[in-house]
Amino acid sequence: MPKKIDHAERKNQIVEAMFRIIHHSGFEKATSREIAKEAGLSLGSVQYFFPKQKDIYMVAMDVIYQRFEERMQKVMQKDQDVFENAIRMIKQIVQANTEEERMENDIWMKFSVMATMNPEYHETKDKSREVNLNFAKDVLRMLHTEGYIKKLISIEDSANSLTIFIHGLVFESVIYANLYDDHIIEKEIREYLRRICNYN
């Protein structure tokens, strides 16, 4: 009797293979044929689960968002200082603890650049920024509610500035990986938040 295929596991196998190719060789090398080879599957198997190249990209970006959400749930500590929680939350986006985390940031950055040149992905690219902007608003509201930000601020404008800071730090940590470890990233985040908070 043939072994039953776990569809979720097989899709994950294909997506992980694509991640490795994009990270090491770029999007132009992430063809269905190359993904199949990297995953140890036939081209037909990849095309069965993902008939179009776009289908793999969409699922891959969803996987990155899901992982981000999972890390966010783990990092929030209700009995901890709100300022420290804010730092931990931002570190979940600007992540540099493991090779896997660095790879995810590298892929996110490459996808964003690729999406600017391909109208087919503009909606996903815009959704990504909206997710990050809403995240920045949540962090700022949390700090404001707990009294860390006492001066009158525009959450909208401040969230935009925080998003720009986060994206810039992600970019820097990917391009100049040798200059950024977990401690340096935390230091940069801490200093940025101190500037907008009444925190000594």
N, C-alpha and C. Protein backbone atom coordinates (compact mmCIF):
# COMPACT_ATOMS: atom_id res chain seq x y z
N MET A 1 0.84 -1.20 0.00
CA MET A 1 0.00 0.00 0.00
C MET A 1 0.88 1.25 0.00
N PRO A 2 0.66 2.19 -0.96
CA PRO A 2 1.51 3.39 -1.02
C PRO A 2 1.37 4.26 0.21
N LYS A 3 2.49 4.87 0.59
CA LYS A 3 2.49 5.73 1.77
C LYS A 3 1.68 7.00 1.49
N LYS A 4 0.82 7.33 2.45
CA LYS A 4 -0.01 8.53 2.30
C LYS A 4 0.85 9.78 2.47
N ILE A 5 0.68 10.72 1.53
CA ILE A 5 1.46 11.95 1.57
C ILE A 5 0.81 12.97 2.50
N ASP A 6 1.60 13.52 3.40
CA ASP A 6 1.13 14.60 4.25
C ASP A 6 1.29 15.90 3.46
N HIS A 7 0.18 16.43 2.98
CA HIS A 7 0.23 17.59 2.08
C HIS A 7 0.87 18.82 2.74
N ALA A 8 0.55 19.05 4.01
CA ALA A 8 1.12 20.21 4.71
C ALA A 8 2.64 20.05 4.84
N GLU A 9 3.07 18.85 5.16
CA GLU A 9 4.50 18.59 5.31
C GLU A 9 5.23 18.73 3.98
N ARG A 10 4.61 18.26 2.90
CA ARG A 10 5.22 18.36 1.57
C ARG A 10 5.31 19.81 1.11
N LYS A 11 4.26 20.58 1.37
CA LYS A 11 4.29 22.01 1.02
C LYS A 11 5.40 22.71 1.78
N ASN A 12 5.53 22.39 3.05
CA ASN A 12 6.57 22.99 3.88
C ASN A 12 7.96 22.63 3.36
N GLN A 13 8.12 21.39 2.92
CA GLN A 13 9.38 20.92 2.35
C GLN A 13 9.76 21.75 1.12
N ILE A 14 8.76 22.03 0.29
CA ILE A 14 8.98 22.82 -0.93
C ILE A 14 9.33 24.27 -0.59
N VAL A 15 8.59 24.84 0.35
CA VAL A 15 8.83 26.23 0.75
C VAL A 15 10.22 26.39 1.37
N GLU A 16 10.61 25.45 2.22
CA GLU A 16 11.94 25.52 2.85
C GLU A 16 13.04 25.42 1.80
N ALA A 17 12.83 24.59 0.78
CA ALA A 17 13.80 24.48 -0.31
C ALA A 17 13.91 25.80 -1.05
N MET A 18 12.77 26.45 -1.28
CA MET A 18 12.78 27.74 -1.95
C MET A 18 13.51 28.79 -1.11
N PHE A 19 13.27 28.77 0.21
CA PHE A 19 13.96 29.70 1.11
C PHE A 19 15.48 29.58 0.95
N ARG A 20 15.97 28.35 0.94
CA ARG A 20 17.41 28.13 0.85
C ARG A 20 17.97 28.66 -0.47
N ILE A 21 17.25 28.43 -1.56
CA ILE A 21 17.71 28.90 -2.87
C ILE A 21 17.74 30.42 -2.92
N ILE A 22 16.66 31.06 -2.47
CA ILE A 22 16.59 32.53 -2.50
C ILE A 22 17.69 33.12 -1.64
N HIS A 23 17.90 32.55 -0.47
CA HIS A 23 18.90 33.07 0.46
C HIS A 23 20.30 33.01 -0.14
N HIS A 24 20.62 31.89 -0.78
CA HIS A 24 21.98 31.69 -1.28
C HIS A 24 22.18 32.17 -2.71
N SER A 25 21.11 32.17 -3.52
CA SER A 25 21.30 32.46 -4.95
C SER A 25 20.37 33.53 -5.52
N GLY A 26 19.35 33.95 -4.76
CA GLY A 26 18.45 34.99 -5.25
C GLY A 26 17.19 34.43 -5.91
N PHE A 27 16.23 35.33 -6.12
CA PHE A 27 14.94 34.93 -6.68
C PHE A 27 15.05 34.36 -8.09
N GLU A 28 15.97 34.90 -8.88
CA GLU A 28 16.07 34.46 -10.28
C GLU A 28 16.42 32.99 -10.40
N LYS A 29 17.04 32.44 -9.37
CA LYS A 29 17.39 31.01 -9.39
C LYS A 29 16.29 30.12 -8.80
N ALA A 30 15.28 30.75 -8.20
CA ALA A 30 14.23 29.97 -7.52
C ALA A 30 13.14 29.54 -8.49
N THR A 31 13.53 28.78 -9.52
CA THR A 31 12.55 28.24 -10.47
C THR A 31 11.96 26.96 -9.89
N SER A 32 10.83 26.55 -10.43
CA SER A 32 10.20 25.32 -9.95
C SER A 32 11.14 24.13 -10.09
N ARG A 33 11.89 24.11 -11.19
CA ARG A 33 12.83 23.01 -11.43
C ARG A 33 13.92 22.97 -10.35
N GLU A 34 14.50 24.15 -10.05
CA GLU A 34 15.56 24.21 -9.05
C GLU A 34 15.03 23.92 -7.64
N ILE A 35 13.82 24.38 -7.37
CA ILE A 35 13.19 24.11 -6.07
C ILE A 35 12.96 22.61 -5.91
N ALA A 36 12.49 21.98 -6.98
CA ALA A 36 12.25 20.52 -6.94
C ALA A 36 13.57 19.79 -6.65
N LYS A 37 14.64 20.22 -7.32
CA LYS A 37 15.94 19.58 -7.13
C LYS A 37 16.42 19.75 -5.69
N GLU A 38 16.28 20.98 -5.17
CA GLU A 38 16.71 21.26 -3.79
C GLU A 38 15.91 20.48 -2.77
N ALA A 39 14.61 20.29 -3.06
CA ALA A 39 13.72 19.58 -2.13
C ALA A 39 13.81 18.07 -2.27
N GLY A 40 14.49 17.60 -3.33
CA GLY A 40 14.59 16.16 -3.57
C GLY A 40 13.29 15.57 -4.08
N LEU A 41 12.55 16.38 -4.85
CA LEU A 41 11.26 15.96 -5.38
C LEU A 41 11.26 16.08 -6.90
N SER A 42 10.25 15.52 -7.52
CA SER A 42 10.11 15.67 -8.97
C SER A 42 9.50 17.03 -9.27
N LEU A 43 9.72 17.52 -10.48
CA LEU A 43 9.13 18.79 -10.89
C LEU A 43 7.60 18.70 -10.83
N GLY A 44 7.07 17.55 -11.20
CA GLY A 44 5.62 17.33 -11.16
C GLY A 44 5.05 17.48 -9.76
N SER A 45 5.81 17.02 -8.75
CA SER A 45 5.34 17.13 -7.36
C SER A 45 5.23 18.59 -6.95
N VAL A 46 6.23 19.39 -7.30
CA VAL A 46 6.20 20.81 -6.96
C VAL A 46 5.04 21.50 -7.67
N GLN A 47 4.86 21.20 -8.95
CA GLN A 47 3.80 21.84 -9.72
C GLN A 47 2.41 21.37 -9.30
N TYR A 48 2.33 20.19 -8.71
CA TYR A 48 1.05 19.70 -8.20
C TYR A 48 0.58 20.58 -7.04
N PHE A 49 1.51 20.89 -6.14
CA PHE A 49 1.16 21.72 -4.97
C PHE A 49 1.15 23.20 -5.30
N PHE A 50 2.02 23.61 -6.21
CA PHE A 50 2.12 25.02 -6.58
C PHE A 50 2.16 25.15 -8.10
N PRO A 51 1.00 25.19 -8.75
CA PRO A 51 0.95 25.24 -10.22
C PRO A 51 1.70 26.43 -10.82
N LYS A 52 1.70 27.57 -10.12
CA LYS A 52 2.40 28.75 -10.61
C LYS A 52 3.47 29.16 -9.63
N GLN A 53 4.50 29.82 -10.16
CA GLN A 53 5.60 30.30 -9.32
C GLN A 53 5.07 31.24 -8.23
N LYS A 54 4.11 32.06 -8.60
CA LYS A 54 3.54 33.03 -7.66
C LYS A 54 2.94 32.32 -6.44
N ASP A 55 2.37 31.13 -6.66
CA ASP A 55 1.73 30.40 -5.56
C ASP A 55 2.73 30.08 -4.46
N ILE A 56 3.95 29.69 -4.85
CA ILE A 56 4.98 29.38 -3.84
C ILE A 56 5.37 30.65 -3.08
N TYR A 57 5.54 31.75 -3.81
CA TYR A 57 5.94 33.00 -3.16
C TYR A 57 4.90 33.45 -2.13
N MET A 58 3.63 33.34 -2.50
CA MET A 58 2.57 33.79 -1.59
C MET A 58 2.56 32.97 -0.31
N VAL A 59 2.68 31.66 -0.47
CA VAL A 59 2.69 30.78 0.71
C VAL A 59 3.95 31.03 1.54
N ALA A 60 5.07 31.26 0.87
CA ALA A 60 6.33 31.50 1.58
C ALA A 60 6.25 32.75 2.44
N MET A 61 5.66 33.81 1.91
CA MET A 61 5.54 35.03 2.70
C MET A 61 4.58 34.83 3.88
N ASP A 62 3.53 34.05 3.67
CA ASP A 62 2.62 33.72 4.77
C ASP A 62 3.34 32.95 5.88
N VAL A 63 4.23 32.05 5.47
CA VAL A 63 5.00 31.27 6.44
C VAL A 63 5.86 32.20 7.30
N ILE A 64 6.50 33.18 6.66
CA ILE A 64 7.33 34.13 7.40
C ILE A 64 6.48 34.95 8.38
N TYR A 65 5.29 35.38 7.93
CA TYR A 65 4.39 36.12 8.83
C TYR A 65 3.97 35.26 10.01
N GLN A 66 3.65 33.98 9.75
CA GLN A 66 3.22 33.07 10.82
C GLN A 66 4.32 32.88 11.85
N ARG A 67 5.54 32.72 11.37
CA ARG A 67 6.67 32.54 12.28
C ARG A 67 6.88 33.79 13.14
N PHE A 68 6.71 34.94 12.51
CA PHE A 68 6.81 36.20 13.24
C PHE A 68 5.76 36.26 14.34
N GLU A 69 4.52 35.89 14.01
CA GLU A 69 3.42 35.91 14.99
C GLU A 69 3.71 34.94 16.14
N GLU A 70 4.22 33.76 15.82
CA GLU A 70 4.52 32.76 16.85
C GLU A 70 5.60 33.27 17.80
N ARG A 71 6.64 33.88 17.23
CA ARG A 71 7.70 34.42 18.08
C ARG A 71 7.17 35.54 18.96
N MET A 72 6.27 36.35 18.40
CA MET A 72 5.71 37.47 19.14
C MET A 72 4.93 36.97 20.36
N GLN A 73 4.17 35.89 20.17
CA GLN A 73 3.39 35.33 21.28
C GLN A 73 4.31 34.82 22.39
N LYS A 74 5.44 34.23 22.00
CA LYS A 74 6.36 33.67 22.98
C LYS A 74 7.10 34.75 23.76
N VAL A 75 7.38 35.88 23.09
CA VAL A 75 8.24 36.88 23.70
C VAL A 75 7.50 37.79 24.68
N MET A 76 6.20 37.96 24.51
CA MET A 76 5.44 38.83 25.40
C MET A 76 5.37 38.24 26.80
N GLN A 77 5.85 39.00 27.78
CA GLN A 77 5.84 38.55 29.17
C GLN A 77 5.02 39.55 30.00
N LYS A 78 3.86 39.09 30.45
CA LYS A 78 2.92 39.99 31.11
C LYS A 78 3.45 40.57 32.41
N ASP A 79 4.34 39.86 33.06
CA ASP A 79 4.84 40.36 34.34
C ASP A 79 6.10 41.21 34.15
N GLN A 80 6.47 41.49 32.91
CA GLN A 80 7.67 42.26 32.63
C GLN A 80 7.37 43.73 32.39
N ASP A 81 8.39 44.55 32.57
CA ASP A 81 8.31 45.97 32.29
C ASP A 81 7.91 46.19 30.83
N VAL A 82 7.01 47.14 30.61
CA VAL A 82 6.47 47.41 29.27
C VAL A 82 7.56 47.85 28.31
N PHE A 83 8.48 48.68 28.79
CA PHE A 83 9.58 49.15 27.94
C PHE A 83 10.43 47.97 27.46
N GLU A 84 10.71 47.03 28.36
CA GLU A 84 11.50 45.84 27.99
C GLU A 84 10.72 44.96 27.02
N ASN A 85 9.40 44.87 27.23
CA ASN A 85 8.57 44.11 26.30
C ASN A 85 8.61 44.73 24.91
N ALA A 86 8.58 46.06 24.84
CA ALA A 86 8.63 46.75 23.54
C ALA A 86 9.93 46.42 22.82
N ILE A 87 11.02 46.39 23.56
CA ILE A 87 12.32 46.04 22.96
C ILE A 87 12.28 44.62 22.41
N ARG A 88 11.78 43.69 23.23
CA ARG A 88 11.72 42.30 22.79
C ARG A 88 10.83 42.13 21.55
N MET A 89 9.71 42.88 21.51
CA MET A 89 8.80 42.80 20.38
C MET A 89 9.49 43.25 19.08
N ILE A 90 10.20 44.36 19.15
CA ILE A 90 10.87 44.87 17.95
C ILE A 90 12.00 43.94 17.53
N LYS A 91 12.65 43.33 18.51
CA LYS A 91 13.73 42.39 18.19
C LYS A 91 13.22 41.18 17.41
N GLN A 92 11.92 40.89 17.52
CA GLN A 92 11.37 39.77 16.77
C GLN A 92 11.30 40.06 15.27
N ILE A 93 11.35 41.34 14.92
CA ILE A 93 11.41 41.70 13.50
C ILE A 93 12.87 41.81 13.06
N VAL A 94 13.65 42.54 13.86
CA VAL A 94 15.08 42.69 13.56
C VAL A 94 15.80 41.57 14.29
N GLN A 95 15.79 40.40 13.73
CA GLN A 95 16.25 39.21 14.43
C GLN A 95 17.62 38.76 13.91
N ALA A 96 18.46 38.36 14.84
CA ALA A 96 19.81 37.96 14.43
C ALA A 96 20.38 36.86 15.33
N ASN A 97 19.51 36.13 16.00
CA ASN A 97 19.99 35.09 16.92
C ASN A 97 20.47 33.84 16.21
N THR A 98 19.77 33.45 15.14
CA THR A 98 20.09 32.21 14.44
C THR A 98 20.23 32.45 12.95
N GLU A 99 20.83 31.49 12.27
CA GLU A 99 20.97 31.57 10.81
C GLU A 99 19.59 31.58 10.15
N GLU A 100 18.66 30.81 10.73
CA GLU A 100 17.30 30.77 10.19
C GLU A 100 16.63 32.15 10.25
N GLU A 101 16.80 32.84 11.36
CA GLU A 101 16.22 34.17 11.51
C GLU A 101 16.84 35.16 10.52
N ARG A 102 18.15 35.09 10.37
CA ARG A 102 18.83 35.98 9.42
C ARG A 102 18.36 35.66 7.99
N MET A 103 18.16 34.38 7.71
CA MET A 103 17.70 33.98 6.38
C MET A 103 16.31 34.54 6.09
N GLU A 104 15.43 34.51 7.08
CA GLU A 104 14.07 35.03 6.90
C GLU A 104 14.11 36.53 6.58
N ASN A 105 14.96 37.28 7.28
CA ASN A 105 15.08 38.71 7.00
C ASN A 105 15.64 38.95 5.60
N ASP A 106 16.62 38.15 5.22
CA ASP A 106 17.22 38.26 3.89
C ASP A 106 16.15 38.01 2.81
N ILE A 107 15.33 36.98 3.02
CA ILE A 107 14.29 36.65 2.05
C ILE A 107 13.23 37.75 2.01
N TRP A 108 12.84 38.26 3.17
CA TRP A 108 11.84 39.34 3.22
C TRP A 108 12.35 40.55 2.44
N MET A 109 13.63 40.90 2.64
CA MET A 109 14.21 42.05 1.95
C MET A 109 14.26 41.81 0.45
N LYS A 110 14.71 40.63 0.03
CA LYS A 110 14.79 40.31 -1.39
C LYS A 110 13.40 40.29 -2.03
N PHE A 111 12.43 39.77 -1.29
CA PHE A 111 11.06 39.75 -1.82
C PHE A 111 10.55 41.18 -2.01
N SER A 112 10.81 42.06 -1.06
CA SER A 112 10.35 43.45 -1.15
C SER A 112 10.94 44.14 -2.36
N VAL A 113 12.23 43.92 -2.60
CA VAL A 113 12.88 44.53 -3.77
C VAL A 113 12.30 43.95 -5.06
N MET A 114 12.17 42.63 -5.11
CA MET A 114 11.61 41.98 -6.30
C MET A 114 10.18 42.45 -6.57
N ALA A 115 9.40 42.62 -5.49
CA ALA A 115 7.99 43.00 -5.63
C ALA A 115 7.82 44.42 -6.18
N THR A 116 8.79 45.29 -5.93
CA THR A 116 8.68 46.66 -6.46
C THR A 116 8.77 46.66 -7.99
N MET A 117 9.39 45.65 -8.56
CA MET A 117 9.57 45.59 -10.01
C MET A 117 8.53 44.71 -10.70
N ASN A 118 7.66 44.09 -9.90
CA ASN A 118 6.68 43.17 -10.47
C ASN A 118 5.28 43.50 -9.93
N PRO A 119 4.43 44.11 -10.77
CA PRO A 119 3.09 44.52 -10.32
C PRO A 119 2.27 43.38 -9.71
N GLU A 120 2.59 42.16 -10.09
CA GLU A 120 1.86 40.99 -9.60
C GLU A 120 1.97 40.85 -8.08
N TYR A 121 3.06 41.40 -7.51
CA TYR A 121 3.30 41.24 -6.08
C TYR A 121 3.11 42.53 -5.29
N HIS A 122 2.64 43.59 -5.94
CA HIS A 122 2.49 44.87 -5.25
C HIS A 122 1.55 44.77 -4.05
N GLU A 123 0.48 44.02 -4.21
CA GLU A 123 -0.51 43.91 -3.13
C GLU A 123 0.11 43.25 -1.89
N THR A 124 0.89 42.20 -2.11
CA THR A 124 1.54 41.52 -0.99
C THR A 124 2.59 42.42 -0.35
N LYS A 125 3.33 43.15 -1.17
CA LYS A 125 4.34 44.08 -0.65
C LYS A 125 3.68 45.15 0.22
N ASP A 126 2.56 45.71 -0.28
CA ASP A 126 1.86 46.74 0.48
C ASP A 126 1.27 46.19 1.77
N LYS A 127 0.81 44.94 1.71
CA LYS A 127 0.25 44.29 2.90
C LYS A 127 1.35 44.12 3.96
N SER A 128 2.55 43.80 3.50
CA SER A 128 3.69 43.63 4.41
C SER A 128 3.96 44.92 5.17
N ARG A 129 3.94 46.05 4.45
CA ARG A 129 4.21 47.32 5.13
C ARG A 129 3.08 47.67 6.09
N GLU A 130 1.86 47.36 5.70
CA GLU A 130 0.71 47.65 6.58
C GLU A 130 0.81 46.84 7.87
N VAL A 131 1.23 45.57 7.76
CA VAL A 131 1.41 44.72 8.94
C VAL A 131 2.46 45.34 9.86
N ASN A 132 3.57 45.80 9.28
CA ASN A 132 4.64 46.40 10.08
C ASN A 132 4.22 47.74 10.69
N LEU A 133 3.45 48.53 9.94
CA LEU A 133 2.98 49.82 10.45
C LEU A 133 2.01 49.62 11.62
N ASN A 134 1.11 48.66 11.49
CA ASN A 134 0.16 48.36 12.58
C ASN A 134 0.90 47.83 13.82
N PHE A 135 1.94 47.05 13.57
CA PHE A 135 2.77 46.55 14.67
C PHE A 135 3.41 47.73 15.42
N ALA A 136 3.96 48.69 14.66
CA ALA A 136 4.59 49.87 15.27
C ALA A 136 3.57 50.67 16.08
N LYS A 137 2.34 50.79 15.57
CA LYS A 137 1.28 51.50 16.30
C LYS A 137 0.98 50.79 17.62
N ASP A 138 0.93 49.46 17.58
CA ASP A 138 0.65 48.68 18.79
C ASP A 138 1.72 48.92 19.85
N VAL A 139 2.99 48.92 19.42
CA VAL A 139 4.10 49.15 20.35
C VAL A 139 3.99 50.54 20.98
N LEU A 140 3.73 51.54 20.15
CA LEU A 140 3.65 52.92 20.65
C LEU A 140 2.45 53.14 21.56
N ARG A 141 1.30 52.55 21.21
CA ARG A 141 0.11 52.68 22.08
C ARG A 141 0.36 52.03 23.43
N MET A 142 1.05 50.89 23.41
CA MET A 142 1.37 50.19 24.65
C MET A 142 2.24 51.07 25.54
N LEU A 143 3.26 51.68 24.95
CA LEU A 143 4.15 52.57 25.71
C LEU A 143 3.41 53.81 26.20
N HIS A 144 2.54 54.34 25.37
CA HIS A 144 1.78 55.54 25.73
C HIS A 144 0.80 55.25 26.87
N THR A 145 0.09 54.13 26.76
CA THR A 145 -0.90 53.74 27.77
C THR A 145 -0.26 53.55 29.14
N GLU A 146 0.96 53.02 29.15
CA GLU A 146 1.65 52.76 30.42
C GLU A 146 2.46 53.95 30.91
N GLY A 147 2.35 55.08 30.20
CA GLY A 147 2.98 56.30 30.68
C GLY A 147 4.43 56.51 30.29
N TYR A 148 4.96 55.66 29.44
CA TYR A 148 6.35 55.84 29.02
C TYR A 148 6.49 56.96 28.00
N ILE A 149 5.43 57.20 27.25
CA ILE A 149 5.41 58.34 26.33
C ILE A 149 4.40 59.32 26.90
N LYS A 150 4.87 60.40 27.48
CA LYS A 150 3.97 61.34 28.15
C LYS A 150 3.68 62.56 27.30
N LYS A 151 4.63 62.93 26.44
CA LYS A 151 4.38 64.09 25.61
C LYS A 151 3.36 63.74 24.52
N LEU A 152 2.66 64.75 24.05
CA LEU A 152 1.64 64.56 23.03
C LEU A 152 2.31 64.17 21.72
N ILE A 153 1.95 63.01 21.17
CA ILE A 153 2.52 62.58 19.90
C ILE A 153 1.41 62.13 18.96
N SER A 154 1.71 62.16 17.67
CA SER A 154 0.82 61.57 16.67
C SER A 154 1.24 60.12 16.51
N ILE A 155 0.37 59.19 16.92
CA ILE A 155 0.68 57.77 16.79
C ILE A 155 0.98 57.42 15.34
N GLU A 156 0.20 58.00 14.43
CA GLU A 156 0.36 57.71 13.00
C GLU A 156 1.77 58.11 12.52
N ASP A 157 2.17 59.35 12.82
CA ASP A 157 3.49 59.83 12.39
C ASP A 157 4.62 59.07 13.09
N SER A 158 4.46 58.85 14.38
CA SER A 158 5.50 58.15 15.13
C SER A 158 5.63 56.70 14.68
N ALA A 159 4.49 56.08 14.34
CA ALA A 159 4.52 54.69 13.85
C ALA A 159 5.24 54.61 12.51
N ASN A 160 5.02 55.62 11.68
CA ASN A 160 5.71 55.66 10.39
C ASN A 160 7.22 55.77 10.60
N SER A 161 7.63 56.63 11.53
CA SER A 161 9.06 56.79 11.84
C SER A 161 9.66 55.50 12.41
N LEU A 162 8.90 54.85 13.31
CA LEU A 162 9.38 53.60 13.90
C LEU A 162 9.51 52.51 12.84
N THR A 163 8.56 52.46 11.91
CA THR A 163 8.60 51.48 10.82
C THR A 163 9.84 51.71 9.95
N ILE A 164 10.12 52.97 9.64
CA ILE A 164 11.30 53.30 8.85
C ILE A 164 12.57 52.86 9.59
N PHE A 165 12.61 53.13 10.90
CA PHE A 165 13.76 52.72 11.71
C PHE A 165 13.94 51.20 11.67
N ILE A 166 12.84 50.45 11.86
CA ILE A 166 12.90 48.99 11.89
C ILE A 166 13.37 48.45 10.54
N HIS A 167 12.78 48.97 9.45
CA HIS A 167 13.17 48.50 8.12
C HIS A 167 14.64 48.81 7.84
N GLY A 168 15.08 49.99 8.27
CA GLY A 168 16.48 50.35 8.08
C GLY A 168 17.41 49.42 8.84
N LEU A 169 17.03 49.06 10.07
CA LEU A 169 17.85 48.17 10.88
C LEU A 169 17.87 46.76 10.29
N VAL A 170 16.73 46.31 9.77
CA VAL A 170 16.68 45.01 9.09
C VAL A 170 17.64 45.02 7.90
N PHE A 171 17.53 46.06 7.08
CA PHE A 171 18.38 46.19 5.90
C PHE A 171 19.86 46.16 6.28
N GLU A 172 20.23 46.96 7.26
CA GLU A 172 21.62 47.02 7.72
C GLU A 172 22.11 45.66 8.23
N SER A 173 21.26 44.99 9.01
CA SER A 173 21.68 43.72 9.61
C SER A 173 21.79 42.60 8.58
N VAL A 174 21.10 42.75 7.44
CA VAL A 174 21.21 41.76 6.37
C VAL A 174 22.44 42.06 5.51
N ILE A 175 22.58 43.32 5.09
CA ILE A 175 23.67 43.70 4.21
C ILE A 175 25.03 43.64 4.91
N TYR A 176 25.04 44.06 6.19
CA TYR A 176 26.29 44.08 6.95
C TYR A 176 26.17 43.15 8.16
N ALA A 177 25.90 41.89 7.87
CA ALA A 177 25.63 40.90 8.93
C ALA A 177 26.78 40.81 9.94
N ASN A 178 28.02 41.02 9.48
CA ASN A 178 29.17 40.90 10.38
C ASN A 178 29.23 42.03 11.41
N LEU A 179 28.50 43.11 11.17
CA LEU A 179 28.51 44.25 12.09
C LEU A 179 27.39 44.21 13.12
N TYR A 180 26.42 43.31 12.92
CA TYR A 180 25.23 43.31 13.78
C TYR A 180 25.00 41.94 14.40
N ASP A 181 25.14 41.89 15.71
CA ASP A 181 24.71 40.70 16.45
C ASP A 181 23.53 41.09 17.32
N ASP A 182 23.05 40.16 18.10
CA ASP A 182 21.86 40.39 18.91
C ASP A 182 22.03 41.56 19.88
N HIS A 183 23.23 41.70 20.46
CA HIS A 183 23.48 42.76 21.45
C HIS A 183 23.48 44.15 20.80
N ILE A 184 24.08 44.25 19.63
CA ILE A 184 24.12 45.54 18.94
C ILE A 184 22.72 45.95 18.49
N ILE A 185 21.96 44.98 17.99
CA ILE A 185 20.59 45.27 17.56
C ILE A 185 19.76 45.74 18.74
N GLU A 186 19.89 45.06 19.89
CA GLU A 186 19.14 45.49 21.08
C GLU A 186 19.56 46.89 21.51
N LYS A 187 20.84 47.20 21.45
CA LYS A 187 21.33 48.52 21.83
C LYS A 187 20.71 49.60 20.94
N GLU A 188 20.65 49.36 19.64
CA GLU A 188 20.07 50.33 18.70
C GLU A 188 18.58 50.55 18.99
N ILE A 189 17.87 49.46 19.24
CA ILE A 189 16.43 49.55 19.53
C ILE A 189 16.20 50.29 20.84
N ARG A 190 17.00 49.94 21.85
CA ARG A 190 16.85 50.57 23.17
C ARG A 190 17.08 52.07 23.07
N GLU A 191 18.11 52.48 22.34
CA GLU A 191 18.42 53.91 22.21
C GLU A 191 17.33 54.64 21.43
N TYR A 192 16.77 53.99 20.41
CA TYR A 192 15.70 54.62 19.64
C TYR A 192 14.48 54.85 20.54
N LEU A 193 14.10 53.83 21.30
CA LEU A 193 12.93 53.96 22.17
C LEU A 193 13.16 54.96 23.30
N ARG A 194 14.36 55.03 23.82
CA ARG A 194 14.66 56.01 24.86
C ARG A 194 14.45 57.43 24.35
N ARG A 195 14.75 57.65 23.08
CA ARG A 195 14.61 58.99 22.50
C ARG A 195 13.14 59.44 22.43
N ILE A 196 12.24 58.48 22.28
CA ILE A 196 10.82 58.87 22.17
C ILE A 196 10.06 58.69 23.47
N CYS A 197 10.73 58.07 24.45
CA CYS A 197 10.07 57.84 25.74
C CYS A 197 10.69 58.70 26.85
N ASN A 198 9.91 58.87 27.90
CA ASN A 198 10.44 59.52 29.10
C ASN A 198 10.98 58.40 30.00
N TYR A 199 12.10 57.83 29.58
CA TYR A 199 12.62 56.66 30.29
C TYR A 199 14.10 56.84 30.53
N ASN A 200 14.52 56.70 31.79
CA ASN A 200 15.93 56.89 32.13
C ASN A 200 16.58 55.55 32.45
